[in-house]
């Protein structure tokens, strides 16, 4: 994964460039997870294999996640719960989660690189890059942090709320998951605004 974007910013005087990404915008259940990370850019410190989390196997993501956590100058992971997602919509929830992740970095970032088309309400200079998780080293690293963290959460929710297959589907709208909603109703971590088309109004007891 190329570090050209971060290197160019460093040449302009920015020495703490953070990449930001999220996991969980599309699922019917579970929180949104946003991650921010500042990585060293020296060639000897770079992590081989960093890529868009969607291109990696679960095992590869976990290995890379540990390396990112070990080598990062700092990182921050924040969640946005389903109630907030339903109240402010997923786009605003993503902006909020990324803002919280950026603000949680210590030391603070002096430039932010976000995935997608996302303007954050922060004073720090920023740039949004469509497809950034597949093109920019630090954004790809943030995508891995967010994905591994969220997958672990969904495995825990599978134990708390059995019958929906959360460990397998991670809250996404698979046929199995939708069938379970129709049969059982929804549980506490379902996004009500996301399940309206096939939810009959029942809450799981």
N, C-alpha and C. Protein backbone atom coordinates (compact mmCIF):
# COMPACT_ATOMS: atom_id res chain seq x y z
N UNK A 1 0.84 -1.19 0.00
CA UNK A 1 0.00 0.00 0.00
C UNK A 1 0.88 1.25 0.00
N UNK A 2 0.59 2.16 -0.91
CA UNK A 2 1.42 3.35 -1.11
C UNK A 2 1.21 4.36 0.03
N UNK A 3 2.29 5.03 0.42
CA UNK A 3 2.21 6.09 1.43
C UNK A 3 2.44 7.46 0.79
N UNK A 4 2.20 7.53 -0.51
CA UNK A 4 2.46 8.76 -1.25
C UNK A 4 1.65 9.94 -0.69
N UNK A 5 0.40 9.71 -0.36
CA UNK A 5 -0.45 10.80 0.15
C UNK A 5 0.09 11.35 1.45
N UNK A 6 0.42 10.46 2.38
CA UNK A 6 0.96 10.91 3.67
C UNK A 6 2.33 11.57 3.50
N UNK A 7 3.15 11.01 2.63
CA UNK A 7 4.49 11.57 2.42
C UNK A 7 4.41 12.98 1.84
N UNK A 8 3.49 13.20 0.92
CA UNK A 8 3.31 14.53 0.33
C UNK A 8 2.86 15.53 1.39
N UNK A 9 2.00 15.10 2.28
CA UNK A 9 1.55 16.00 3.35
C UNK A 9 2.69 16.30 4.32
N UNK A 10 3.51 15.30 4.60
CA UNK A 10 4.66 15.54 5.47
C UNK A 10 5.61 16.55 4.84
N UNK A 11 5.78 16.49 3.53
CA UNK A 11 6.65 17.45 2.84
C UNK A 11 6.10 18.87 2.97
N UNK A 12 4.79 18.98 3.18
CA UNK A 12 4.17 20.29 3.37
C UNK A 12 4.20 20.76 4.82
N UNK A 13 4.75 19.93 5.70
CA UNK A 13 4.89 20.33 7.10
C UNK A 13 3.95 19.66 8.08
N UNK A 14 3.11 18.76 7.59
CA UNK A 14 2.20 18.03 8.49
C UNK A 14 2.91 16.76 8.98
N UNK A 15 3.09 16.65 10.27
CA UNK A 15 3.89 15.55 10.81
C UNK A 15 3.05 14.51 11.56
N UNK A 16 1.75 14.72 11.66
CA UNK A 16 0.89 13.76 12.36
C UNK A 16 -0.38 13.56 11.53
N UNK A 17 -0.24 12.85 10.42
CA UNK A 17 -1.35 12.63 9.50
C UNK A 17 -2.12 11.39 9.92
N UNK A 18 -3.40 11.55 10.17
CA UNK A 18 -4.24 10.43 10.61
C UNK A 18 -5.14 9.95 9.49
N UNK A 19 -5.30 8.65 9.38
CA UNK A 19 -6.28 8.05 8.49
C UNK A 19 -7.50 7.65 9.29
N UNK A 20 -8.68 7.83 8.70
CA UNK A 20 -9.93 7.49 9.38
C UNK A 20 -10.83 6.66 8.47
N UNK A 21 -11.51 5.68 9.06
CA UNK A 21 -12.48 4.89 8.32
C UNK A 21 -13.48 4.31 9.31
N UNK A 22 -14.52 3.71 8.74
CA UNK A 22 -15.57 3.13 9.58
C UNK A 22 -15.85 1.70 9.17
N UNK A 23 -16.57 1.00 10.03
CA UNK A 23 -17.10 -0.33 9.72
C UNK A 23 -18.53 -0.37 10.23
N UNK A 24 -19.42 -0.86 9.39
CA UNK A 24 -20.79 -1.05 9.84
C UNK A 24 -21.79 -0.02 9.41
N UNK A 25 -21.60 0.60 8.26
CA UNK A 25 -22.62 1.55 7.80
C UNK A 25 -23.87 0.83 7.29
N UNK A 26 -23.69 -0.34 6.70
CA UNK A 26 -24.81 -1.00 6.03
C UNK A 26 -25.62 -2.01 6.82
N UNK A 27 -25.12 -2.56 7.91
CA UNK A 27 -25.85 -3.62 8.60
C UNK A 27 -27.20 -3.19 9.17
N UNK A 28 -28.04 -4.17 9.42
CA UNK A 28 -29.34 -3.95 10.05
C UNK A 28 -29.22 -3.88 11.56
N UNK A 29 -28.12 -4.35 12.10
CA UNK A 29 -27.96 -4.43 13.56
C UNK A 29 -26.53 -4.12 13.96
N UNK A 30 -26.38 -3.67 15.18
CA UNK A 30 -25.06 -3.40 15.73
C UNK A 30 -24.63 -1.96 15.54
N UNK A 31 -23.64 -1.55 16.30
CA UNK A 31 -23.17 -0.17 16.25
C UNK A 31 -22.35 0.11 15.00
N UNK A 32 -22.14 1.38 14.75
CA UNK A 32 -21.14 1.83 13.79
C UNK A 32 -19.82 1.97 14.54
N UNK A 33 -18.73 1.57 13.92
CA UNK A 33 -17.41 1.68 14.55
C UNK A 33 -16.52 2.54 13.66
N UNK A 34 -15.90 3.54 14.25
CA UNK A 34 -14.99 4.43 13.51
C UNK A 34 -13.61 4.38 14.15
N UNK A 35 -12.58 4.40 13.32
CA UNK A 35 -11.21 4.33 13.81
C UNK A 35 -10.37 5.42 13.18
N UNK A 36 -9.42 5.93 13.96
CA UNK A 36 -8.43 6.89 13.48
C UNK A 36 -7.07 6.39 13.90
N UNK A 37 -6.08 6.53 13.03
CA UNK A 37 -4.75 6.02 13.35
C UNK A 37 -3.68 6.88 12.70
N UNK A 38 -2.61 7.12 13.45
CA UNK A 38 -1.41 7.77 12.92
C UNK A 38 -0.30 6.74 12.94
N UNK A 39 0.27 6.47 11.76
CA UNK A 39 1.31 5.46 11.63
C UNK A 39 2.65 6.10 11.27
N UNK A 40 3.75 5.50 11.71
CA UNK A 40 5.06 5.96 11.25
C UNK A 40 5.20 5.67 9.76
N UNK A 41 5.89 6.56 9.06
CA UNK A 41 6.00 6.42 7.61
C UNK A 41 7.37 5.93 7.14
N UNK A 42 8.32 5.83 8.06
CA UNK A 42 9.65 5.35 7.66
C UNK A 42 9.51 3.95 7.06
N UNK A 43 10.29 3.69 6.04
CA UNK A 43 10.16 2.44 5.31
C UNK A 43 10.31 1.23 6.21
N UNK A 44 11.24 1.29 7.16
CA UNK A 44 11.47 0.14 8.03
C UNK A 44 10.32 -0.10 9.01
N UNK A 45 9.47 0.90 9.19
CA UNK A 45 8.36 0.78 10.15
C UNK A 45 7.03 0.45 9.47
N UNK A 46 7.01 0.48 8.16
CA UNK A 46 5.76 0.23 7.45
C UNK A 46 5.32 -1.23 7.61
N UNK A 47 4.01 -1.41 7.57
CA UNK A 47 3.43 -2.74 7.77
C UNK A 47 3.04 -3.33 6.42
N UNK A 48 3.70 -4.38 6.04
CA UNK A 48 3.40 -5.02 4.75
C UNK A 48 2.03 -5.67 4.80
N UNK A 49 1.30 -5.57 3.69
CA UNK A 49 0.01 -6.25 3.58
C UNK A 49 -1.19 -5.42 3.95
N UNK A 50 -0.97 -4.21 4.46
CA UNK A 50 -2.11 -3.35 4.81
C UNK A 50 -2.91 -3.04 3.55
N UNK A 51 -4.22 -3.24 3.64
CA UNK A 51 -5.10 -3.04 2.48
C UNK A 51 -6.50 -2.77 3.00
N UNK A 52 -7.40 -2.44 2.10
CA UNK A 52 -8.81 -2.31 2.43
C UNK A 52 -9.25 -3.58 3.16
N UNK A 53 -9.86 -3.41 4.33
CA UNK A 53 -10.23 -4.57 5.14
C UNK A 53 -11.12 -5.54 4.39
N UNK A 54 -11.93 -5.04 3.45
CA UNK A 54 -12.83 -5.92 2.71
C UNK A 54 -12.09 -6.86 1.77
N UNK A 55 -10.85 -6.56 1.46
CA UNK A 55 -10.06 -7.41 0.58
C UNK A 55 -9.29 -8.49 1.34
N UNK A 56 -9.35 -8.47 2.65
CA UNK A 56 -8.53 -9.36 3.47
C UNK A 56 -9.38 -10.43 4.13
N UNK A 57 -8.79 -11.59 4.35
CA UNK A 57 -9.48 -12.64 5.09
C UNK A 57 -9.57 -12.25 6.56
N UNK A 58 -10.51 -12.81 7.30
CA UNK A 58 -10.61 -12.49 8.73
C UNK A 58 -9.29 -12.73 9.48
N UNK A 59 -8.61 -13.82 9.20
CA UNK A 59 -7.35 -14.12 9.88
C UNK A 59 -6.29 -13.08 9.55
N UNK A 60 -6.19 -12.70 8.27
CA UNK A 60 -5.21 -11.71 7.86
C UNK A 60 -5.51 -10.36 8.51
N UNK A 61 -6.78 -10.00 8.59
CA UNK A 61 -7.16 -8.76 9.25
C UNK A 61 -6.72 -8.75 10.71
N UNK A 62 -6.92 -9.86 11.39
CA UNK A 62 -6.56 -9.93 12.81
C UNK A 62 -5.06 -9.78 13.02
N UNK A 63 -4.28 -10.43 12.16
CA UNK A 63 -2.81 -10.33 12.26
C UNK A 63 -2.38 -8.89 12.01
N UNK A 64 -2.90 -8.28 10.96
CA UNK A 64 -2.53 -6.91 10.64
C UNK A 64 -3.01 -5.94 11.72
N UNK A 65 -4.18 -6.21 12.28
CA UNK A 65 -4.70 -5.34 13.34
C UNK A 65 -3.72 -5.29 14.52
N UNK A 66 -3.20 -6.43 14.91
CA UNK A 66 -2.24 -6.46 16.02
C UNK A 66 -0.98 -5.67 15.68
N UNK A 67 -0.51 -5.81 14.45
CA UNK A 67 0.69 -5.07 14.04
C UNK A 67 0.43 -3.57 14.01
N UNK A 68 -0.74 -3.18 13.54
CA UNK A 68 -1.09 -1.76 13.51
C UNK A 68 -1.13 -1.21 14.92
N UNK A 69 -1.77 -1.92 15.83
CA UNK A 69 -1.86 -1.47 17.22
C UNK A 69 -0.46 -1.35 17.85
N UNK A 70 0.42 -2.26 17.50
CA UNK A 70 1.77 -2.25 18.07
C UNK A 70 2.61 -1.10 17.52
N UNK A 71 2.48 -0.81 16.25
CA UNK A 71 3.37 0.16 15.61
C UNK A 71 2.80 1.57 15.51
N UNK A 72 1.52 1.72 15.70
CA UNK A 72 0.90 3.04 15.56
C UNK A 72 1.49 4.03 16.56
N UNK A 73 1.65 5.26 16.11
CA UNK A 73 2.03 6.33 17.03
C UNK A 73 0.88 6.58 18.00
N UNK A 74 -0.32 6.47 17.49
CA UNK A 74 -1.52 6.47 18.34
C UNK A 74 -2.70 6.03 17.48
N UNK A 75 -3.75 5.55 18.14
CA UNK A 75 -4.98 5.22 17.44
C UNK A 75 -6.14 5.39 18.41
N UNK A 76 -7.33 5.54 17.85
CA UNK A 76 -8.53 5.69 18.66
C UNK A 76 -9.69 5.03 17.93
N UNK A 77 -10.49 4.29 18.67
CA UNK A 77 -11.67 3.63 18.13
C UNK A 77 -12.89 4.09 18.91
N UNK A 78 -13.93 4.51 18.20
CA UNK A 78 -15.15 4.98 18.84
C UNK A 78 -16.35 4.30 18.19
N UNK A 79 -17.41 4.08 18.97
CA UNK A 79 -18.63 3.47 18.47
C UNK A 79 -19.79 4.47 18.54
N UNK A 80 -20.74 4.29 17.64
CA UNK A 80 -21.99 5.05 17.68
C UNK A 80 -23.11 4.02 17.79
N UNK A 81 -23.92 4.12 18.84
CA UNK A 81 -24.91 3.08 19.11
C UNK A 81 -26.12 3.18 18.18
N UNK A 82 -26.92 2.14 18.21
CA UNK A 82 -28.04 2.04 17.27
C UNK A 82 -29.09 3.12 17.52
N UNK A 83 -29.28 3.51 18.76
CA UNK A 83 -30.25 4.56 19.06
C UNK A 83 -29.87 5.87 18.38
N UNK A 84 -28.58 6.20 18.45
CA UNK A 84 -28.10 7.43 17.81
C UNK A 84 -28.21 7.33 16.30
N UNK A 85 -27.87 6.16 15.75
CA UNK A 85 -27.99 5.95 14.30
C UNK A 85 -29.44 6.19 13.85
N UNK A 86 -30.39 5.64 14.59
CA UNK A 86 -31.80 5.83 14.25
C UNK A 86 -32.24 7.28 14.39
N UNK A 87 -31.66 7.99 15.35
CA UNK A 87 -32.08 9.37 15.60
C UNK A 87 -31.51 10.35 14.58
N UNK A 88 -30.26 10.17 14.16
CA UNK A 88 -29.62 11.21 13.33
C UNK A 88 -29.30 10.74 11.92
N UNK A 89 -29.51 9.50 11.60
CA UNK A 89 -29.27 8.80 10.33
C UNK A 89 -27.80 8.37 10.22
N UNK A 90 -27.56 7.43 9.34
CA UNK A 90 -26.25 6.78 9.28
C UNK A 90 -25.15 7.72 8.78
N UNK A 91 -25.49 8.64 7.89
CA UNK A 91 -24.48 9.58 7.40
C UNK A 91 -23.98 10.48 8.53
N UNK A 92 -24.93 11.05 9.28
CA UNK A 92 -24.53 11.92 10.38
C UNK A 92 -23.85 11.12 11.50
N UNK A 93 -24.27 9.87 11.68
CA UNK A 93 -23.63 9.00 12.67
C UNK A 93 -22.17 8.74 12.29
N UNK A 94 -21.92 8.58 10.99
CA UNK A 94 -20.56 8.36 10.51
C UNK A 94 -19.71 9.61 10.76
N UNK A 95 -20.25 10.76 10.46
CA UNK A 95 -19.53 12.00 10.72
C UNK A 95 -19.22 12.14 12.22
N UNK A 96 -20.20 11.83 13.05
CA UNK A 96 -20.01 11.93 14.49
C UNK A 96 -18.93 10.96 14.96
N UNK A 97 -19.02 9.69 14.51
CA UNK A 97 -18.06 8.69 14.94
C UNK A 97 -16.64 9.03 14.52
N UNK A 98 -16.47 9.51 13.30
CA UNK A 98 -15.14 9.88 12.83
C UNK A 98 -14.61 11.09 13.60
N UNK A 99 -15.48 12.03 13.88
CA UNK A 99 -15.09 13.21 14.67
C UNK A 99 -14.60 12.78 16.05
N UNK A 100 -15.35 11.90 16.70
CA UNK A 100 -14.97 11.42 18.03
C UNK A 100 -13.65 10.66 17.99
N UNK A 101 -13.46 9.85 16.95
CA UNK A 101 -12.21 9.09 16.82
C UNK A 101 -11.04 10.03 16.61
N UNK A 102 -11.21 11.05 15.75
CA UNK A 102 -10.15 12.02 15.50
C UNK A 102 -9.80 12.79 16.77
N UNK A 103 -10.83 13.19 17.49
CA UNK A 103 -10.60 13.97 18.72
C UNK A 103 -10.00 13.13 19.84
N UNK A 104 -10.11 11.81 19.73
CA UNK A 104 -9.57 10.94 20.76
C UNK A 104 -8.10 10.59 20.57
N UNK A 105 -7.49 11.02 19.48
CA UNK A 105 -6.08 10.73 19.24
C UNK A 105 -5.19 11.52 20.20
N UNK A 106 -4.20 10.85 20.74
CA UNK A 106 -3.23 11.52 21.60
C UNK A 106 -1.85 10.89 21.38
N UNK A 107 -0.90 11.64 20.79
CA UNK A 107 -0.99 13.06 20.43
C UNK A 107 -1.97 13.31 19.30
N UNK A 108 -2.42 14.56 19.22
CA UNK A 108 -3.44 14.93 18.25
C UNK A 108 -2.89 14.93 16.83
N UNK A 109 -3.76 14.67 15.88
CA UNK A 109 -3.40 14.76 14.46
C UNK A 109 -3.37 16.22 14.02
N UNK A 110 -2.51 16.51 13.04
CA UNK A 110 -2.52 17.85 12.45
C UNK A 110 -3.08 17.85 11.03
N UNK A 111 -3.48 16.65 10.56
CA UNK A 111 -4.17 16.54 9.26
C UNK A 111 -4.94 15.24 9.27
N UNK A 112 -6.16 15.26 8.70
CA UNK A 112 -7.01 14.08 8.67
C UNK A 112 -7.28 13.64 7.23
N UNK A 113 -7.17 12.35 6.99
CA UNK A 113 -7.53 11.74 5.72
C UNK A 113 -8.70 10.80 5.98
N UNK A 114 -9.86 11.11 5.40
CA UNK A 114 -11.04 10.29 5.64
C UNK A 114 -11.45 9.54 4.38
N UNK A 115 -12.03 8.37 4.59
CA UNK A 115 -12.50 7.58 3.46
C UNK A 115 -13.87 8.08 3.01
N UNK A 116 -14.10 8.07 1.71
CA UNK A 116 -15.41 8.41 1.18
C UNK A 116 -15.53 9.87 0.82
N UNK A 117 -16.70 10.41 1.06
CA UNK A 117 -16.97 11.82 0.79
C UNK A 117 -17.49 12.43 2.09
N UNK A 118 -16.57 12.69 3.00
CA UNK A 118 -16.93 12.96 4.38
C UNK A 118 -16.23 14.22 4.90
N UNK A 119 -16.99 15.25 5.21
CA UNK A 119 -16.43 16.45 5.82
C UNK A 119 -16.77 16.44 7.30
N UNK A 120 -15.74 16.53 8.13
CA UNK A 120 -15.93 16.47 9.58
C UNK A 120 -15.94 17.87 10.18
N UNK A 121 -16.70 18.02 11.25
CA UNK A 121 -16.80 19.29 11.95
C UNK A 121 -15.65 19.42 12.94
N UNK A 122 -14.46 19.62 12.40
CA UNK A 122 -13.26 19.77 13.24
C UNK A 122 -12.41 20.90 12.66
N UNK A 123 -11.54 21.45 13.50
CA UNK A 123 -10.69 22.56 13.06
C UNK A 123 -9.46 22.09 12.31
N UNK A 124 -9.15 20.80 12.41
CA UNK A 124 -7.94 20.26 11.78
C UNK A 124 -8.12 20.20 10.26
N UNK A 125 -7.12 20.56 9.47
CA UNK A 125 -7.21 20.40 8.01
C UNK A 125 -7.52 18.96 7.65
N UNK A 126 -8.29 18.78 6.59
CA UNK A 126 -8.73 17.43 6.25
C UNK A 126 -8.92 17.28 4.75
N UNK A 127 -8.89 16.03 4.33
CA UNK A 127 -9.16 15.69 2.94
C UNK A 127 -9.93 14.39 2.89
N UNK A 128 -10.98 14.33 2.11
CA UNK A 128 -11.77 13.13 1.95
C UNK A 128 -11.43 12.48 0.61
N UNK A 129 -11.21 11.17 0.62
CA UNK A 129 -10.76 10.46 -0.58
C UNK A 129 -11.70 9.29 -0.86
N UNK A 130 -12.42 9.37 -1.97
CA UNK A 130 -13.31 8.27 -2.35
C UNK A 130 -12.46 7.04 -2.66
N UNK A 131 -12.82 5.93 -2.07
CA UNK A 131 -12.02 4.71 -2.24
C UNK A 131 -10.70 4.77 -1.50
N UNK A 132 -10.60 5.64 -0.51
CA UNK A 132 -9.35 5.82 0.22
C UNK A 132 -8.88 4.58 0.94
N UNK A 133 -9.81 3.72 1.37
CA UNK A 133 -9.40 2.51 2.09
C UNK A 133 -8.65 1.54 1.19
N UNK A 134 -8.77 1.71 -0.13
CA UNK A 134 -8.04 0.85 -1.06
C UNK A 134 -6.83 1.56 -1.67
N UNK A 135 -6.63 2.84 -1.30
CA UNK A 135 -5.58 3.63 -1.94
C UNK A 135 -4.58 4.27 -0.98
N UNK A 136 -5.01 4.51 0.24
CA UNK A 136 -4.19 5.29 1.18
C UNK A 136 -3.86 4.43 2.41
N UNK A 137 -2.58 4.33 2.70
CA UNK A 137 -2.06 3.46 3.75
C UNK A 137 -2.76 3.64 5.10
N UNK A 138 -2.82 4.88 5.58
CA UNK A 138 -3.36 5.10 6.91
C UNK A 138 -4.87 4.89 6.96
N UNK A 139 -5.56 5.20 5.86
CA UNK A 139 -7.00 4.94 5.83
C UNK A 139 -7.26 3.44 5.81
N UNK A 140 -6.48 2.70 5.05
CA UNK A 140 -6.62 1.24 5.02
C UNK A 140 -6.38 0.64 6.41
N UNK A 141 -5.37 1.17 7.10
CA UNK A 141 -5.10 0.69 8.47
C UNK A 141 -6.27 0.96 9.39
N UNK A 142 -6.88 2.15 9.25
CA UNK A 142 -8.05 2.48 10.07
C UNK A 142 -9.21 1.54 9.74
N UNK A 143 -9.35 1.18 8.47
CA UNK A 143 -10.43 0.26 8.09
C UNK A 143 -10.25 -1.10 8.75
N UNK A 144 -9.02 -1.54 8.88
CA UNK A 144 -8.74 -2.82 9.54
C UNK A 144 -9.06 -2.75 11.03
N UNK A 145 -8.61 -1.68 11.68
CA UNK A 145 -8.90 -1.51 13.11
C UNK A 145 -10.41 -1.52 13.37
N UNK A 146 -11.15 -0.78 12.56
CA UNK A 146 -12.59 -0.67 12.76
C UNK A 146 -13.29 -2.01 12.50
N UNK A 147 -12.89 -2.69 11.43
CA UNK A 147 -13.54 -3.95 11.07
C UNK A 147 -13.30 -5.04 12.10
N UNK A 148 -12.07 -5.19 12.54
CA UNK A 148 -11.76 -6.23 13.53
C UNK A 148 -12.48 -5.95 14.85
N UNK A 149 -12.49 -4.69 15.25
CA UNK A 149 -13.18 -4.32 16.49
C UNK A 149 -14.67 -4.63 16.39
N UNK A 150 -15.28 -4.26 15.26
CA UNK A 150 -16.72 -4.46 15.14
C UNK A 150 -17.06 -5.95 15.03
N UNK A 151 -16.27 -6.71 14.29
CA UNK A 151 -16.53 -8.14 14.18
C UNK A 151 -16.49 -8.82 15.55
N UNK A 152 -15.56 -8.39 16.40
CA UNK A 152 -15.47 -8.94 17.74
C UNK A 152 -16.71 -8.58 18.56
N UNK A 153 -17.18 -7.35 18.42
CA UNK A 153 -18.40 -6.94 19.11
C UNK A 153 -19.59 -7.80 18.67
N UNK A 154 -19.70 -8.04 17.37
CA UNK A 154 -20.84 -8.79 16.87
C UNK A 154 -20.80 -10.25 17.33
N UNK A 155 -19.60 -10.79 17.52
CA UNK A 155 -19.49 -12.14 18.08
C UNK A 155 -20.00 -12.17 19.52
N UNK A 156 -19.72 -11.11 20.27
CA UNK A 156 -20.24 -11.01 21.64
C UNK A 156 -21.76 -10.86 21.64
N UNK A 157 -22.28 -10.08 20.71
CA UNK A 157 -23.73 -9.90 20.62
C UNK A 157 -24.42 -11.19 20.21
N UNK A 158 -23.73 -12.05 19.48
CA UNK A 158 -24.31 -13.33 19.09
C UNK A 158 -24.63 -14.18 20.31
N UNK A 159 -23.80 -14.04 21.34
CA UNK A 159 -24.04 -14.77 22.60
C UNK A 159 -25.19 -14.13 23.37
N UNK A 160 -25.23 -12.80 23.40
CA UNK A 160 -26.27 -12.09 24.14
C UNK A 160 -27.63 -12.20 23.47
N UNK A 161 -27.63 -12.21 22.14
CA UNK A 161 -28.89 -12.24 21.38
C UNK A 161 -28.84 -13.38 20.38
N UNK A 162 -28.96 -14.63 20.86
CA UNK A 162 -28.85 -15.79 19.96
C UNK A 162 -30.04 -15.86 19.00
N UNK A 163 -29.80 -16.56 17.90
CA UNK A 163 -30.87 -16.81 16.95
C UNK A 163 -30.84 -15.95 15.70
N UNK A 164 -30.02 -14.91 15.71
CA UNK A 164 -29.94 -14.02 14.54
C UNK A 164 -28.70 -14.28 13.69
N UNK A 165 -27.77 -15.07 14.21
CA UNK A 165 -26.56 -15.38 13.45
C UNK A 165 -25.56 -14.25 13.38
N UNK A 166 -25.53 -13.40 14.42
CA UNK A 166 -24.67 -12.22 14.37
C UNK A 166 -23.19 -12.55 14.19
N UNK A 167 -22.73 -13.69 14.73
CA UNK A 167 -21.32 -14.05 14.57
C UNK A 167 -20.99 -14.32 13.11
N UNK A 168 -21.99 -14.79 12.35
CA UNK A 168 -21.77 -15.08 10.93
C UNK A 168 -22.05 -13.87 10.05
N UNK A 169 -23.19 -13.23 10.26
CA UNK A 169 -23.59 -12.17 9.33
C UNK A 169 -23.17 -10.77 9.75
N UNK A 170 -22.64 -10.64 10.98
CA UNK A 170 -22.16 -9.35 11.49
C UNK A 170 -23.24 -8.26 11.47
N UNK A 171 -24.50 -8.69 11.46
CA UNK A 171 -25.61 -7.75 11.46
C UNK A 171 -26.12 -7.38 10.08
N UNK A 172 -25.45 -7.86 9.03
CA UNK A 172 -25.89 -7.53 7.67
C UNK A 172 -27.18 -8.28 7.33
N UNK A 173 -27.86 -7.80 6.30
CA UNK A 173 -29.18 -8.32 5.96
C UNK A 173 -29.15 -9.56 5.12
N UNK A 174 -28.57 -10.61 5.63
CA UNK A 174 -28.59 -11.90 4.93
C UNK A 174 -29.98 -12.50 4.99
N UNK A 175 -30.22 -13.49 4.15
CA UNK A 175 -31.52 -14.15 4.15
C UNK A 175 -31.81 -14.77 5.51
N UNK A 176 -30.80 -15.36 6.12
CA UNK A 176 -30.95 -15.96 7.44
C UNK A 176 -31.35 -14.91 8.47
N UNK A 177 -30.70 -13.77 8.43
CA UNK A 177 -30.95 -12.71 9.40
C UNK A 177 -32.37 -12.15 9.23
N UNK A 178 -32.76 -11.88 8.00
CA UNK A 178 -34.08 -11.33 7.74
C UNK A 178 -35.17 -12.32 8.16
N UNK A 179 -34.95 -13.59 7.88
CA UNK A 179 -35.91 -14.62 8.29
C UNK A 179 -36.05 -14.66 9.81
N UNK A 180 -34.94 -14.49 10.52
CA UNK A 180 -34.98 -14.50 11.98
C UNK A 180 -35.76 -13.29 12.51
N UNK A 181 -35.60 -12.14 11.87
CA UNK A 181 -36.35 -10.95 12.30
C UNK A 181 -37.84 -11.18 12.11
N UNK A 182 -38.21 -11.75 10.98
CA UNK A 182 -39.63 -11.99 10.70
C UNK A 182 -40.22 -13.01 11.67
N UNK A 183 -39.40 -13.96 12.09
CA UNK A 183 -39.87 -15.01 13.00
C UNK A 183 -39.88 -14.54 14.45
N UNK A 184 -38.83 -13.81 14.86
CA UNK A 184 -38.64 -13.50 16.27
C UNK A 184 -38.97 -12.06 16.65
N UNK A 185 -39.02 -11.17 15.65
CA UNK A 185 -39.03 -9.76 15.96
C UNK A 185 -37.60 -9.26 16.09
N UNK A 186 -37.42 -8.04 16.53
CA UNK A 186 -36.08 -7.47 16.63
C UNK A 186 -35.59 -7.46 18.07
N UNK A 187 -34.28 -7.32 18.22
CA UNK A 187 -33.70 -7.21 19.57
C UNK A 187 -33.14 -5.80 19.77
N UNK A 188 -32.50 -5.58 20.90
CA UNK A 188 -32.08 -4.24 21.29
C UNK A 188 -31.07 -3.62 20.34
N UNK A 189 -30.28 -4.43 19.64
CA UNK A 189 -29.23 -3.84 18.80
C UNK A 189 -29.65 -3.71 17.33
N UNK A 190 -30.92 -3.95 17.03
CA UNK A 190 -31.39 -3.73 15.66
C UNK A 190 -31.64 -2.24 15.42
N UNK A 191 -31.31 -1.79 14.21
CA UNK A 191 -31.56 -0.41 13.80
C UNK A 191 -32.98 -0.34 13.24
N UNK A 192 -33.86 0.27 13.98
CA UNK A 192 -35.26 0.27 13.58
C UNK A 192 -35.50 0.95 12.23
N UNK A 193 -34.73 1.96 11.93
CA UNK A 193 -34.90 2.64 10.65
C UNK A 193 -34.38 1.80 9.49
N UNK A 194 -33.62 0.76 9.78
CA UNK A 194 -33.06 -0.10 8.73
C UNK A 194 -33.93 -1.33 8.45
N UNK A 195 -34.80 -1.70 9.40
CA UNK A 195 -35.55 -2.95 9.27
C UNK A 195 -37.03 -2.72 8.98
N UNK A 196 -37.42 -1.49 8.69
CA UNK A 196 -38.83 -1.17 8.53
C UNK A 196 -39.53 -1.99 7.45
N UNK A 197 -38.80 -2.35 6.40
CA UNK A 197 -39.43 -3.04 5.26
C UNK A 197 -39.92 -4.43 5.60
N UNK A 198 -39.30 -5.08 6.58
CA UNK A 198 -39.71 -6.46 6.87
C UNK A 198 -39.91 -6.73 8.37
N UNK A 199 -39.94 -5.67 9.17
CA UNK A 199 -40.21 -5.83 10.60
C UNK A 199 -41.69 -5.55 10.85
N UNK A 200 -42.33 -6.45 11.60
CA UNK A 200 -43.77 -6.31 11.84
C UNK A 200 -44.08 -5.55 13.12
N UNK A 201 -43.06 -4.98 13.75
CA UNK A 201 -43.29 -4.19 14.97
C UNK A 201 -43.07 -4.94 16.26
N UNK A 202 -42.81 -6.23 16.17
CA UNK A 202 -42.60 -7.02 17.39
C UNK A 202 -41.18 -6.84 17.92
N UNK A 203 -41.07 -6.79 19.25
CA UNK A 203 -39.79 -6.78 19.92
C UNK A 203 -39.56 -8.18 20.47
N UNK A 204 -38.33 -8.67 20.37
CA UNK A 204 -38.02 -10.00 20.92
C UNK A 204 -38.15 -9.94 22.43
N UNK A 205 -38.79 -10.95 23.02
CA UNK A 205 -38.95 -10.99 24.48
C UNK A 205 -37.88 -11.89 25.08
